[in-house]
PDB file of N, CA and C in Angstrom:
ATOM      1  N   MET A   1     -15.255  43.973  20.288  1.00  0.00           N
ATOM      2  CA  MET A   1     -13.779  43.610  20.288  1.00  0.00           C
ATOM      3  C   MET A   1     -13.264  44.029  18.881  1.00  0.00           C
ATOM      4  N   SER A   2     -12.200  44.550  18.698  1.00  0.00           N
ATOM      5  CA  SER A   2     -11.975  44.721  17.189  1.00  0.00           C
ATOM      6  C   SER A   2     -11.307  43.395  16.552  1.00  0.00           C
ATOM      7  N   SER A   3     -11.340  43.420  15.431  1.00  0.00           N
ATOM      8  CA  SER A   3     -10.696  42.274  14.638  1.00  0.00           C
ATOM      9  C   SER A   3     -10.053  42.672  13.461  1.00  0.00           C
ATOM     10  N   ARG A   4      -9.412  41.625  13.052  1.00  0.00           N
ATOM     11  CA  ARG A   4      -8.673  41.895  11.663  1.00  0.00           C
ATOM     12  C   ARG A   4      -8.967  40.680  10.637  1.00  0.00           C
ATOM     13  N   GLU A   5      -8.752  41.018   9.355  1.00  0.00           N
ATOM     14  CA  GLU A   5      -9.256  40.202   8.408  1.00  0.00           C
ATOM     15  C   GLU A   5      -7.797  39.684   7.899  1.00  0.00           C
ATOM     16  N   ILE A   6      -7.837  38.140   7.646  1.00  0.00           N
ATOM     17  CA  ILE A   6      -6.784  37.253   7.065  1.00  0.00           C
ATOM     18  C   ILE A   6      -7.403  36.625   5.842  1.00  0.00           C
ATOM     19  N   THR A   7      -6.439  36.368   4.794  1.00  0.00           N
ATOM     20  CA  THR A   7      -6.701  35.650   3.795  1.00  0.00           C
ATOM     21  C   THR A   7      -5.820  34.415   3.919  1.00  0.00           C
ATOM     22  N   TRP A   8      -6.335  33.326   3.933  1.00  0.00           N
ATOM     23  CA  TRP A   8      -5.648  32.095   4.247  1.00  0.00           C
ATOM     24  C   TRP A   8      -5.676  30.988   3.138  1.00  0.00           C
ATOM     25  N   GLU A   9      -4.866  30.657   2.125  1.00  0.00           N
ATOM     26  CA  GLU A   9      -4.941  29.635   1.230  1.00  0.00           C
ATOM     27  C   GLU A   9      -4.501  28.273   1.873  1.00  0.00           C
ATOM     28  N   ILE A  10      -5.590  27.346   1.895  1.00  0.00           N
ATOM     29  CA  ILE A  10      -5.040  26.132   2.403  1.00  0.00           C
ATOM     30  C   ILE A  10      -5.309  25.064   1.199  1.00  0.00           C
ATOM     31  N   PRO A  11      -4.731  23.700   1.467  1.00  0.00           N
ATOM     32  CA  PRO A  11      -4.833  22.744   0.581  1.00  0.00           C
ATOM     33  C   PRO A  11      -6.257  22.294   0.489  1.00  0.00           C
ATOM     34  N   GLU A  12      -6.707  21.833  -0.563  1.00  0.00           N
ATOM     35  CA  GLU A  12      -8.014  21.168  -0.767  1.00  0.00           C
ATOM     36  C   GLU A  12      -8.388  20.094   0.140  1.00  0.00           C
ATOM     37  N   GLY A  13      -7.487  19.302   0.417  1.00  0.00           N
ATOM     38  CA  GLY A  13      -7.739  18.202   1.440  1.00  0.00           C
ATOM     39  C   GLY A  13      -7.901  18.789   2.824  1.00  0.00           C
ATOM     40  N   LEU A  14      -7.269  19.723   3.246  1.00  0.00           N
ATOM     41  CA  LEU A  14      -7.521  20.564   4.549  1.00  0.00           C
ATOM     42  C   LEU A  14      -8.895  21.019   4.851  1.00  0.00           C
ATOM     43  N   TYR A  15      -9.156  21.750   3.646  1.00  0.00           N
ATOM     44  CA  TYR A  15     -10.519  22.426   3.289  1.00  0.00           C
ATOM     45  C   TYR A  15     -11.763  21.505   3.599  1.00  0.00           C
ATOM     46  N   ARG A  16     -11.688  20.406   2.877  1.00  0.00           N
ATOM     47  CA  ARG A  16     -12.584  19.209   3.068  1.00  0.00           C
ATOM     48  C   ARG A  16     -12.562  18.830   4.718  1.00  0.00           C
ATOM     49  N   GLU A  17     -11.550  18.490   5.282  1.00  0.00           N
ATOM     50  CA  GLU A  17     -11.446  18.170   6.449  1.00  0.00           C
ATOM     51  C   GLU A  17     -12.273  19.163   7.574  1.00  0.00           C
ATOM     52  N   LEU A  18     -11.804  20.617   7.284  1.00  0.00           N
ATOM     53  CA  LEU A  18     -12.508  21.867   7.961  1.00  0.00           C
ATOM     54  C   LEU A  18     -14.173  21.709   7.909  1.00  0.00           C
ATOM     55  N   LEU A  19     -14.540  21.266   6.604  1.00  0.00           N
ATOM     56  CA  LEU A  19     -15.963  21.363   6.351  1.00  0.00           C
ATOM     57  C   LEU A  19     -16.477  20.049   7.185  1.00  0.00           C
ATOM     58  N   TRP A  20     -15.957  19.015   7.002  1.00  0.00           N
ATOM     59  CA  TRP A  20     -16.269  17.781   7.606  1.00  0.00           C
ATOM     60  C   TRP A  20     -16.473  18.144   9.233  1.00  0.00           C
ATOM     61  N   ALA A  21     -15.265  18.897  10.054  1.00  0.00           N
ATOM     62  CA  ALA A  21     -15.161  18.923  11.250  1.00  0.00           C
ATOM     63  C   ALA A  21     -16.555  19.667  11.609  1.00  0.00           C
ATOM     64  N   GLN A  22     -16.735  20.908  11.029  1.00  0.00           N
ATOM     65  CA  GLN A  22     -17.679  22.059  10.862  1.00  0.00           C
ATOM     66  C   GLN A  22     -19.160  21.260  11.049  1.00  0.00           C
ATOM     67  N   GLU A  23     -19.381  20.257  10.374  1.00  0.00           N
ATOM     68  CA  GLU A  23     -20.684  19.551  10.084  1.00  0.00           C
ATOM     69  C   GLU A  23     -20.776  18.486  11.352  1.00  0.00           C
ATOM     70  N   GLU A  24     -19.575  17.786  11.576  1.00  0.00           N
ATOM     71  CA  GLU A  24     -19.521  16.813  12.464  1.00  0.00           C
ATOM     72  C   GLU A  24     -19.980  17.101  13.764  1.00  0.00           C
ATOM     73  N   PHE A  25     -19.176  18.331  14.230  1.00  0.00           N
ATOM     74  CA  PHE A  25     -19.414  19.006  15.463  1.00  0.00           C
ATOM     75  C   PHE A  25     -20.182  20.106  15.751  1.00  0.00           C
ATOM     76  N   ALA A  26     -21.024  20.286  14.689  1.00  0.00           N
ATOM     77  CA  ALA A  26     -22.249  21.405  14.726  1.00  0.00           C
ATOM     78  C   ALA A  26     -21.719  22.610  14.910  1.00  0.00           C
ATOM     79  N   TYR A  27     -20.600  23.027  14.242  1.00  0.00           N
ATOM     80  CA  TYR A  27     -20.365  24.506  14.252  1.00  0.00           C
ATOM     81  C   TYR A  27     -21.097  25.298  13.577  1.00  0.00           C
ATOM     82  N   SER A  28     -21.468  26.510  13.848  1.00  0.00           N
ATOM     83  CA  SER A  28     -22.266  27.344  13.057  1.00  0.00           C
ATOM     84  C   SER A  28     -21.536  27.927  11.539  1.00  0.00           C
ATOM     85  N   SER A  29     -20.103  27.888  11.953  1.00  0.00           N
ATOM     86  CA  SER A  29     -19.299  28.485  10.669  1.00  0.00           C
ATOM     87  C   SER A  29     -17.919  27.699  10.594  1.00  0.00           C
ATOM     88  N   LEU A  30     -17.354  27.976   9.668  1.00  0.00           N
ATOM     89  CA  LEU A  30     -15.951  27.772   9.635  1.00  0.00           C
ATOM     90  C   LEU A  30     -14.969  28.753  10.582  1.00  0.00           C
ATOM     91  N   LEU A  31     -15.600  29.912  10.626  1.00  0.00           N
ATOM     92  CA  LEU A  31     -14.903  30.807  11.255  1.00  0.00           C
ATOM     93  C   LEU A  31     -14.919  30.672  12.760  1.00  0.00           C
ATOM     94  N   ASP A  32     -15.893  29.893  13.261  1.00  0.00           N
ATOM     95  CA  ASP A  32     -16.104  29.492  14.509  1.00  0.00           C
ATOM     96  C   ASP A  32     -15.187  28.510  14.977  1.00  0.00           C
ATOM     97  N   LEU A  33     -15.182  27.477  13.905  1.00  0.00           N
ATOM     98  CA  LEU A  33     -14.230  26.278  14.160  1.00  0.00           C
ATOM     99  C   LEU A  33     -13.031  26.856  14.294  1.00  0.00           C
ATOM    100  N   ILE A  34     -12.590  27.307  13.149  1.00  0.00           N
ATOM    101  CA  ILE A  34     -11.131  27.862  13.233  1.00  0.00           C
ATOM    102  C   ILE A  34     -10.581  28.617  14.293  1.00  0.00           C
ATOM    103  N   SER A  35     -11.674  29.614  14.844  1.00  0.00           N
ATOM    104  CA  SER A  35     -11.079  30.502  16.041  1.00  0.00           C
ATOM    105  C   SER A  35     -11.146  29.451  17.172  1.00  0.00           C
ATOM    106  N   GLN A  36     -11.873  28.654  17.486  1.00  0.00           N
ATOM    107  CA  GLN A  36     -11.645  27.806  18.715  1.00  0.00           C
ATOM    108  C   GLN A  36     -10.597  26.820  18.521  1.00  0.00           C
ATOM    109  N   ALA A  37     -10.337  26.396  17.349  1.00  0.00           N
ATOM    110  CA  ALA A  37      -8.920  25.446  17.197  1.00  0.00           C
ATOM    111  C   ALA A  37      -7.610  26.170  17.319  1.00  0.00           C
ATOM    112  N   VAL A  38      -7.683  27.491  16.833  1.00  0.00           N
ATOM    113  CA  VAL A  38      -6.765  28.511  17.287  1.00  0.00           C
ATOM    114  C   VAL A  38      -6.307  28.840  18.528  1.00  0.00           C
ATOM    115  N   GLN A  39      -7.407  29.052  19.223  1.00  0.00           N
ATOM    116  CA  GLN A  39      -7.466  29.400  20.557  1.00  0.00           C
ATOM    117  C   GLN A  39      -7.040  28.162  21.543  1.00  0.00           C
ATOM    118  N   ARG A  40      -7.445  27.146  21.291  1.00  0.00           N
ATOM    119  CA  ARG A  40      -7.013  26.015  21.853  1.00  0.00           C
ATOM    120  C   ARG A  40      -5.684  25.699  21.754  1.00  0.00           C
ATOM    121  N   ARG A  41      -5.096  25.719  20.318  1.00  0.00           N
ATOM    122  CA  ARG A  41      -3.527  25.764  20.245  1.00  0.00           C
ATOM    123  C   ARG A  41      -2.775  26.524  21.070  1.00  0.00           C
ATOM    124  N   LEU A  42      -3.180  27.905  21.016  1.00  0.00           N
ATOM    125  CA  LEU A  42      -2.429  29.017  21.690  1.00  0.00           C
ATOM    126  C   LEU A  42      -2.440  28.617  23.006  1.00  0.00           C
ATOM    127  N   ALA A  43      -3.428  27.874  23.737  1.00  0.00           N
ATOM    128  CA  ALA A  43      -3.446  27.724  25.109  1.00  0.00           C
ATOM    129  C   ALA A  43      -2.624  26.689  25.130  1.00  0.00           C
ATOM    130  N   GLU A  44      -2.446  25.629  24.381  1.00  0.00           N
ATOM    131  CA  GLU A  44      -1.321  24.619  24.617  1.00  0.00           C
ATOM    132  C   GLU A  44       0.131  24.928  24.525  1.00  0.00           C
ATOM    133  N   MET A  45       0.265  26.143  23.432  1.00  0.00           N
ATOM    134  CA  MET A  45       1.422  26.651  23.452  1.00  0.00           C
ATOM    135  C   MET A  45       1.849  27.287  24.624  1.00  0.00           C
ATOM    136  N   ARG A  46       0.964  28.169  25.452  1.00  0.00           N
ATOM    137  CA  ARG A  46       1.148  28.703  26.396  1.00  0.00           C
ATOM    138  C   ARG A  46       1.531  27.677  27.711  1.00  0.00           C
ATOM    139  N   ARG A  47       1.076  26.740  27.490  1.00  0.00           N
ATOM    140  CA  ARG A  47       1.080  25.706  28.675  1.00  0.00           C
ATOM    141  C   ARG A  47       2.458  25.213  28.452  1.00  0.00           C
ATOM    142  N   GLU A  48       2.914  24.735  27.062  1.00  0.00           N
ATOM    143  CA  GLU A  48       4.141  24.183  26.837  1.00  0.00           C
ATOM    144  C   GLU A  48       5.234  25.244  27.235  1.00  0.00           C
ATOM    145  N   ALA A  49       5.079  26.481  27.065  1.00  0.00           N
ATOM    146  CA  ALA A  49       6.356  27.448  27.276  1.00  0.00           C
ATOM    147  C   ALA A  49       6.332  27.582  28.883  1.00  0.00           C
ATOM    148  N   TRP A  50       5.099  27.347  29.679  1.00  0.00           N
ATOM    149  CA  TRP A  50       5.074  27.548  31.040  1.00  0.00           C
ATOM    150  C   TRP A  50       6.027  26.392  31.410  1.00  0.00           C
ATOM    151  N   GLN A  51       5.694  24.926  31.007  1.00  0.00           N
ATOM    152  CA  GLN A  51       6.410  23.931  31.458  1.00  0.00           C
ATOM    153  C   GLN A  51       7.822  23.802  31.016  1.00  0.00           C
ATOM    154  N   ARG A  52       8.313  24.529  29.665  1.00  0.00           N
ATOM    155  CA  ARG A  52       9.746  24.398  29.411  1.00  0.00           C
ATOM    156  C   ARG A  52      10.218  25.579  30.558  1.00  0.00           C
ATOM    157  N   GLU A  53       9.827  26.745  30.955  1.00  0.00           N
ATOM    158  CA  GLU A  53      10.314  27.742  31.960  1.00  0.00           C
ATOM    159  C   GLU A  53      10.527  27.006  33.243  1.00  0.00           C
ATOM    160  N   PHE A  54       9.599  26.044  33.483  1.00  0.00           N
ATOM    161  CA  PHE A  54       9.712  25.566  34.948  1.00  0.00           C
ATOM    162  C   PHE A  54      10.748  24.609  35.043  1.00  0.00           C
ATOM    163  N   ARG A  55      10.867  23.780  33.768  1.00  0.00           N
ATOM    164  CA  ARG A  55      12.034  22.783  33.673  1.00  0.00           C
ATOM    165  C   ARG A  55      13.152  23.558  33.844  1.00  0.00           C
ATOM    166  N   LEU A  56      13.366  24.640  33.230  1.00  0.00           N
ATOM    167  CA  LEU A  56      14.643  25.483  33.221  1.00  0.00           C
ATOM    168  C   LEU A  56      14.999  25.926  34.276  1.00  0.00           C
ATOM    169  N   LEU A  57      13.916  26.368  35.158  1.00  0.00           N
ATOM    170  CA  LEU A  57      14.045  26.780  36.593  1.00  0.00           C
ATOM    171  C   LEU A  57      14.560  25.435  37.473  1.00  0.00           C
ATOM    172  N   GLN A  58      14.090  24.575  37.134  1.00  0.00           N
ATOM    173  CA  GLN A  58      14.466  23.340  38.001  1.00  0.00           C
ATOM    174  C   GLN A  58      15.774  23.042  37.749  1.00  0.00           C
ATOM    175  N   GLN A  59      16.214  22.932  36.622  1.00  0.00           N
ATOM    176  CA  GLN A  59      17.696  22.910  36.274  1.00  0.00           C
ATOM    177  C   GLN A  59      18.641  23.806  36.852  1.00  0.00           C
ATOM    178  N   GLN A  60      18.196  25.086  36.772  1.00  0.00           N
ATOM    179  CA  GLN A  60      18.963  26.157  37.561  1.00  0.00           C
ATOM    180  C   GLN A  60      19.152  25.856  38.827  1.00  0.00           C
ATOM    181  N   VAL A  61      18.133  25.299  39.497  1.00  0.00           N
ATOM    182  CA  VAL A  61      17.938  25.254  40.906  1.00  0.00           C
ATOM    183  C   VAL A  61      18.758  23.849  41.344  1.00  0.00           C
ATOM    184  N   ARG A  62      18.936  22.840  40.597  1.00  0.00           N
ATOM    185  CA  ARG A  62      19.834  21.895  40.767  1.00  0.00           C
ATOM    186  C   ARG A  62      21.240  22.215  40.527  1.00  0.00           C
ATOM    187  N   ALA A  63      21.591  22.982  39.418  1.00  0.00           N
ATOM    188  CA  ALA A  63      22.759  23.414  39.024  1.00  0.00           C
ATOM    189  C   ALA A  63      23.494  24.155  40.307  1.00  0.00           C
ATOM    190  N   THR A  64      22.722  24.980  41.004  1.00  0.00           N
ATOM    191  CA  THR A  64      23.195  25.876  42.095  1.00  0.00           C
ATOM    192  C   THR A  64      23.208  25.116  43.377  1.00  0.00           C
ATOM    193  N   GLY A  65      22.835  23.799  43.609  1.00  0.00           N
ATOM    194  CA  GLY A  65      22.958  23.098  44.586  1.00  0.00           C
ATOM    195  C   GLY A  65      21.482  22.963  45.432  1.00  0.00           C
ATOM    196  N   GLY A  66      20.598  23.188  44.817  1.00  0.00           N
ATOM    197  CA  GLY A  66      19.041  23.340  45.341  1.00  0.00           C
ATOM    198  C   GLY A  66      18.806  24.346  46.456  1.00  0.00           C
ATOM    199  N   PHE A  67      17.991  24.022  47.061  1.00  0.00           N
ATOM    200  CA  PHE A  67      17.562  25.212  48.103  1.00  0.00           C
ATOM    201  C   PHE A  67      18.225  25.457  49.303  1.00  0.00           C
ATOM    202  N   GLY A  68      18.987  24.590  49.654  1.00  0.00           N
ATOM    203  CA  GLY A  68      19.827  24.391  50.869  1.00  0.00           C
ATOM    204  C   GLY A  68      19.103  24.304  52.169  1.00  0.00           C
ATOM    205  N   LEU A  69      18.147  23.366  52.022  1.00  0.00           N
ATOM    206  CA  LEU A  69      17.198  23.426  53.096  1.00  0.00           C
ATOM    207  C   LEU A  69      17.517  21.782  53.703  1.00  0.00           C
ATOM    208  N   GLY A  70      18.453  20.981  53.275  1.00  0.00           N
ATOM    209  CA  GLY A  70      18.916  19.935  53.946  1.00  0.00           C
ATOM    210  C   GLY A  70      18.506  18.605  52.971  1.00  0.00           C
ATOM    211  N   GLU A  71      18.978  17.416  53.277  1.00  0.00           N
ATOM    212  CA  GLU A  71      18.830  16.164  52.696  1.00  0.00           C
ATOM    213  C   GLU A  71      17.846  15.412  53.172  1.00  0.00           C
ATOM    214  N   THR A  72      17.624  15.434  54.487  1.00  0.00           N
ATOM    215  CA  THR A  72      16.552  14.469  55.030  1.00  0.00           C
ATOM    216  C   THR A  72      15.472  15.413  55.685  1.00  0.00           C
ATOM    217  N   LYS A  73      14.177  14.742  55.835  1.00  0.00           N
ATOM    218  CA  LYS A  73      13.069  15.470  56.175  1.00  0.00           C
ATOM    219  C   LYS A  73      13.518  16.284  57.610  1.00  0.00           C
ATOM    220  N   ASP A  74      14.058  15.763  58.497  1.00  0.00           N
ATOM    221  CA  ASP A  74      14.339  16.479  59.753  1.00  0.00           C
ATOM    222  C   ASP A  74      15.162  17.648  59.555  1.00  0.00           C
ATOM    223  N   GLU A  75      16.132  17.492  58.621  1.00  0.00           N
ATOM    224  CA  GLU A  75      17.032  18.524  58.151  1.00  0.00           C
ATOM    225  C   GLU A  75      16.152  19.603  57.641  1.00  0.00           C
ATOM    226  N   VAL A  76      15.436  19.300  56.744  1.00  0.00           N
ATOM    227  CA  VAL A  76      14.643  20.115  55.916  1.00  0.00           C
ATOM    228  C   VAL A  76      13.571  21.141  57.139  1.00  0.00           C
ATOM    229  N   ILE A  77      12.998  20.093  57.897  1.00  0.00           N
ATOM    230  CA  ILE A  77      11.970  21.061  58.952  1.00  0.00           C
ATOM    231  C   ILE A  77      13.133  21.905  59.930  1.00  0.00           C
ATOM    232  N   ALA A  78      14.287  21.399  60.136  1.00  0.00           N
ATOM    233  CA  ALA A  78      14.926  22.209  61.409  1.00  0.00           C
ATOM    234  C   ALA A  78      15.347  23.497  60.536  1.00  0.00           C
ATOM    235  N   ASN A  79      15.847  23.437  59.395  1.00  0.00           N
ATOM    236  CA  ASN A  79      16.500  24.597  58.536  1.00  0.00           C
ATOM    237  C   ASN A  79      15.197  25.503  58.231  1.00  0.00           C
ATOM    238  N   LEU A  80      13.971  25.008  57.881  1.00  0.00           N
ATOM    239  CA  LEU A  80      12.809  26.030  57.715  1.00  0.00           C
ATOM    240  C   LEU A  80      12.415  26.459  59.271  1.00  0.00           C
ATOM    241  N   ARG A  81      12.311  25.889  60.086  1.00  0.00           N
ATOM    242  CA  ARG A  81      12.235  26.580  61.667  1.00  0.00           C
ATOM    243  C   ARG A  81      13.257  27.710  61.775  1.00  0.00           C
ATOM    244  N   GLU A  82      14.518  27.344  61.575  1.00  0.00           N
ATOM    245  CA  GLU A  82      15.338  28.371  61.704  1.00  0.00           C
ATOM    246  C   GLU A  82      15.166  29.523  60.785  1.00  0.00           C
ATOM    247  N   ILE A  83      14.834  29.397  59.776  1.00  0.00           N
ATOM    248  CA  ILE A  83      14.599  30.522  58.516  1.00  0.00           C
ATOM    249  C   ILE A  83      13.264  31.346  59.317  1.00  0.00           C
ATOM    250  N   ARG A  84      12.335  30.703  59.841  1.00  0.00           N
ATOM    251  CA  ARG A  84      11.103  31.365  60.243  1.00  0.00           C
ATOM    252  C   ARG A  84      11.411  32.153  61.500  1.00  0.00           C
ATOM    253  N   ARG A  85      12.402  31.339  62.352  1.00  0.00           N
ATOM    254  CA  ARG A  85      12.949  32.234  63.555  1.00  0.00           C
ATOM    255  C   ARG A  85      13.570  33.507  63.118  1.00  0.00           C
ATOM    256  N   GLN A  86      14.451  33.341  62.203  1.00  0.00           N
ATOM    257  CA  GLN A  86      15.154  34.710  61.934  1.00  0.00           C
ATOM    258  C   GLN A  86      14.175  35.736  61.179  1.00  0.00           C
ATOM    259  N   ILE A  87      13.237  35.273  60.321  1.00  0.00           N
ATOM    260  CA  ILE A  87      12.256  36.144  59.775  1.00  0.00           C
ATOM    261  C   ILE A  87      11.597  36.723  61.130  1.00  0.00           C
ATOM    262  N   PHE A  88      11.207  35.932  61.957  1.00  0.00           N
ATOM    263  CA  PHE A  88      10.325  36.536  63.189  1.00  0.00           C
ATOM    264  C   PHE A  88      11.250  37.727  63.751  1.00  0.00           C
ATOM    265  N   GLU A  89      12.281  37.262  64.103  1.00  0.00           N
ATOM    266  CA  GLU A  89      13.125  38.314  64.770  1.00  0.00           C
ATOM    267  C   GLU A  89      13.617  39.675  63.925  1.00  0.00           C
ATOM    268  N   GLU A  90      13.811  39.317  62.876  1.00  0.00           N
ATOM    269  CA  GLU A  90      13.919  40.478  61.788  1.00  0.00           C
ATOM    270  C   GLU A  90      12.736  41.444  61.616  1.00  0.00           C
ATOM    271  N   GLU A  91      11.546  40.819  61.537  1.00  0.00           N
ATOM    272  CA  GLU A  91      10.270  41.524  61.218  1.00  0.00           C
ATOM    273  C   GLU A  91       9.046  41.864  62.473  1.00  0.00           C
ATOM    274  N   TYR A  92       9.300  41.116  63.186  1.00  0.00           N
ATOM    275  CA  TYR A  92       8.204  41.014  64.347  1.00  0.00           C
ATOM    276  C   TYR A  92       8.815  41.164  65.833  1.00  0.00           C
ATOM    277  N   ALA A  93       9.718  40.866  65.881  1.00  0.00           N
ATOM    278  CA  ALA A  93      10.335  40.861  67.613  1.00  0.00           C
ATOM    279  C   ALA A  93      10.287  41.933  68.106  1.00  0.00           C
ATOM    280  N   HIS A  94      10.402  43.250  67.445  1.00  0.00           N
ATOM    281  CA  HIS A  94      10.289  44.591  67.954  1.00  0.00           C
ATOM    282  C   HIS A  94       9.004  44.894  68.351  1.00  0.00           C
ATOM    283  N   LEU A  95       8.004  44.246  68.045  1.00  0.00           N
ATOM    284  CA  LEU A  95       6.471  44.411  68.315  1.00  0.00           C
ATOM    285  C   LEU A  95       6.157  43.804  69.727  1.00  0.00           C
ATOM    286  N   TYR A  96       7.165  42.961  70.157  1.00  0.00           N
ATOM    287  CA  TYR A  96       6.767  42.328  71.633  1.00  0.00           C
ATOM    288  C   TYR A  96       7.835  42.722  72.563  1.00  0.00           C
TER     289      TYR A  96
END
């Protein structure tokens, strides 16, 4: 895997905390500790972005009136059955 070199100036207090964490959690090097910390934060950011996009999709569905499947359980089931019947007729009925 290719890599890039960066130079990072940090406050002395943060550097001491990194050294403490390296020792406390038995990382072989500061690079290993920082790499794992960055990877974890990036994973959190991806999850946060996914959640934000999902909430936006929920808002869009609500704003457009939902999926139009019905209000009650029986209405939803009836509408889904009708959709299934329509799909069958359009896609598979010619096979029988």
